[in-house]
Amino acid sequence: MSNPTELRARAAELESRVPPVTAGPRTDDERMWLEKAAALRAEADKLDKTRQ
Protein backbone atom coordinates (compact mmCIF):
# COMPACT_ATOMS: atom_id res chain seq x y z
CA MET A 1 0.00 0.00 0.00
CA SER A 2 1.22 3.49 -0.81
CA ASN A 3 1.65 6.19 1.75
CA PRO A 4 -0.08 9.60 1.51
CA THR A 5 3.05 11.33 0.22
CA GLU A 6 3.41 8.84 -2.64
CA LEU A 7 -0.27 9.15 -3.51
CA ARG A 8 -0.06 12.95 -3.63
CA ALA A 9 3.10 12.79 -5.75
CA ARG A 10 1.32 10.49 -8.23
CA ALA A 11 -1.66 12.87 -8.29
CA ALA A 12 0.62 15.82 -9.02
CA GLU A 13 2.28 13.87 -11.84
CA LEU A 14 -1.09 13.12 -13.42
CA GLU A 15 -2.18 16.74 -13.08
CA SER A 16 1.03 17.91 -14.74
CA ARG A 17 -0.01 16.05 -17.91
CA VAL A 18 -3.06 18.27 -18.30
CA PRO A 19 -2.60 21.61 -20.07
CA PRO A 20 -4.22 24.77 -18.64
CA VAL A 21 -7.95 25.13 -19.20
CA THR A 22 -7.21 28.08 -21.51
CA ALA A 23 -5.65 25.59 -23.95
CA GLY A 24 -9.11 24.40 -24.99
CA PRO A 25 -11.58 21.68 -24.13
CA ARG A 26 -10.36 18.72 -22.13
CA THR A 27 -9.85 15.41 -23.90
CA ASP A 28 -11.24 12.20 -22.43
CA ASP A 29 -7.74 11.24 -21.29
CA GLU A 30 -7.21 14.60 -19.58
CA ARG A 31 -10.51 14.28 -17.73
CA MET A 32 -9.58 10.74 -16.71
CA TRP A 33 -6.20 11.92 -15.36
CA LEU A 34 -7.85 14.68 -13.33
CA GLU A 35 -10.44 12.26 -11.93
CA LYS A 36 -7.72 9.76 -11.00
CA ALA A 37 -5.67 12.54 -9.37
CA ALA A 38 -8.68 13.60 -7.31
CA ALA A 39 -9.26 9.99 -6.23
CA LEU A 40 -5.60 9.62 -5.22
CA ARG A 41 -5.75 12.82 -3.17
CA ALA A 42 -8.95 11.62 -1.46
CA GLU A 43 -7.28 8.31 -0.62
CA ALA A 44 -4.25 10.15 0.79
CA ASP A 45 -6.54 12.30 2.96
CA LYS A 46 -8.35 9.18 4.17
CA LEU A 47 -5.04 7.54 5.10
CA ASP A 48 -3.94 10.69 6.94
CA LYS A 49 -7.12 10.65 9.02
CA THR A 50 -6.77 6.98 9.95
CA ARG A 51 -3.19 7.53 11.12
CA GLN A 52 -4.08 10.34 13.53
C-alpha atoms as a PDB file:
ATOM      1  CA  MET A   1       0.000   0.000   0.000  1.00  0.00           C
ATOM      2  CA  SER A   2       1.220   3.486  -0.812  1.00  0.00           C
ATOM      3  CA  ASN A   3       1.651   6.190   1.751  1.00  0.00           C
ATOM      4  CA  PRO A   4      -0.082   9.598   1.506  1.00  0.00           C
ATOM      5  CA  THR A   5       3.054  11.330   0.222  1.00  0.00           C
ATOM      6  CA  GLU A   6       3.413   8.841  -2.638  1.00  0.00           C
ATOM      7  CA  LEU A   7      -0.269   9.146  -3.506  1.00  0.00           C
ATOM      8  CA  ARG A   8      -0.063  12.948  -3.627  1.00  0.00           C
ATOM      9  CA  ALA A   9       3.099  12.789  -5.754  1.00  0.00           C
ATOM     10  CA  ARG A  10       1.320  10.492  -8.230  1.00  0.00           C
ATOM     11  CA  ALA A  11      -1.662  12.867  -8.285  1.00  0.00           C
ATOM     12  CA  ALA A  12       0.623  15.820  -9.023  1.00  0.00           C
ATOM     13  CA  GLU A  13       2.285  13.866 -11.842  1.00  0.00           C
ATOM     14  CA  LEU A  14      -1.090  13.118 -13.424  1.00  0.00           C
ATOM     15  CA  GLU A  15      -2.180  16.742 -13.085  1.00  0.00           C
ATOM     16  CA  SER A  16       1.032  17.910 -14.738  1.00  0.00           C
ATOM     17  CA  ARG A  17      -0.010  16.050 -17.912  1.00  0.00           C
ATOM     18  CA  VAL A  18      -3.065  18.272 -18.296  1.00  0.00           C
ATOM     19  CA  PRO A  19      -2.597  21.610 -20.073  1.00  0.00           C
ATOM     20  CA  PRO A  20      -4.219  24.766 -18.644  1.00  0.00           C
ATOM     21  CA  VAL A  21      -7.946  25.126 -19.203  1.00  0.00           C
ATOM     22  CA  THR A  22      -7.215  28.080 -21.506  1.00  0.00           C
ATOM     23  CA  ALA A  23      -5.651  25.591 -23.952  1.00  0.00           C
ATOM     24  CA  GLY A  24      -9.111  24.399 -24.987  1.00  0.00           C
ATOM     25  CA  PRO A  25     -11.583  21.684 -24.128  1.00  0.00           C
ATOM     26  CA  ARG A  26     -10.358  18.720 -22.133  1.00  0.00           C
ATOM     27  CA  THR A  27      -9.855  15.408 -23.899  1.00  0.00           C
ATOM     28  CA  ASP A  28     -11.239  12.203 -22.428  1.00  0.00           C
ATOM     29  CA  ASP A  29      -7.735  11.241 -21.293  1.00  0.00           C
ATOM     30  CA  GLU A  30      -7.207  14.596 -19.582  1.00  0.00           C
ATOM     31  CA  ARG A  31     -10.510  14.279 -17.728  1.00  0.00           C
ATOM     32  CA  MET A  32      -9.583  10.740 -16.706  1.00  0.00           C
ATOM     33  CA  TRP A  33      -6.197  11.916 -15.362  1.00  0.00           C
ATOM     34  CA  LEU A  34      -7.846  14.678 -13.325  1.00  0.00           C
ATOM     35  CA  GLU A  35     -10.442  12.263 -11.933  1.00  0.00           C
ATOM     36  CA  LYS A  36      -7.724   9.762 -11.004  1.00  0.00           C
ATOM     37  CA  ALA A  37      -5.667  12.538  -9.366  1.00  0.00           C
ATOM     38  CA  ALA A  38      -8.684  13.597  -7.306  1.00  0.00           C
ATOM     39  CA  ALA A  39      -9.258   9.990  -6.228  1.00  0.00           C
ATOM     40  CA  LEU A  40      -5.598   9.619  -5.224  1.00  0.00           C
ATOM     41  CA  ARG A  41      -5.747  12.816  -3.167  1.00  0.00           C
ATOM     42  CA  ALA A  42      -8.951  11.619  -1.460  1.00  0.00           C
ATOM     43  CA  GLU A  43      -7.285   8.307  -0.615  1.00  0.00           C
ATOM     44  CA  ALA A  44      -4.249  10.152   0.792  1.00  0.00           C
ATOM     45  CA  ASP A  45      -6.538  12.305   2.960  1.00  0.00           C
ATOM     46  CA  LYS A  46      -8.355   9.184   4.166  1.00  0.00           C
ATOM     47  CA  LEU A  47      -5.043   7.541   5.101  1.00  0.00           C
ATOM     48  CA  ASP A  48      -3.937  10.690   6.937  1.00  0.00           C
ATOM     49  CA  LYS A  49      -7.120  10.655   9.016  1.00  0.00           C
ATOM     50  CA  THR A  50      -6.774   6.983   9.948  1.00  0.00           C
ATOM     51  CA  ARG A  51      -3.189   7.533  11.124  1.00  0.00           C
ATOM     52  CA  GLN A  52      -4.077  10.345  13.529  1.00  0.00           C
END
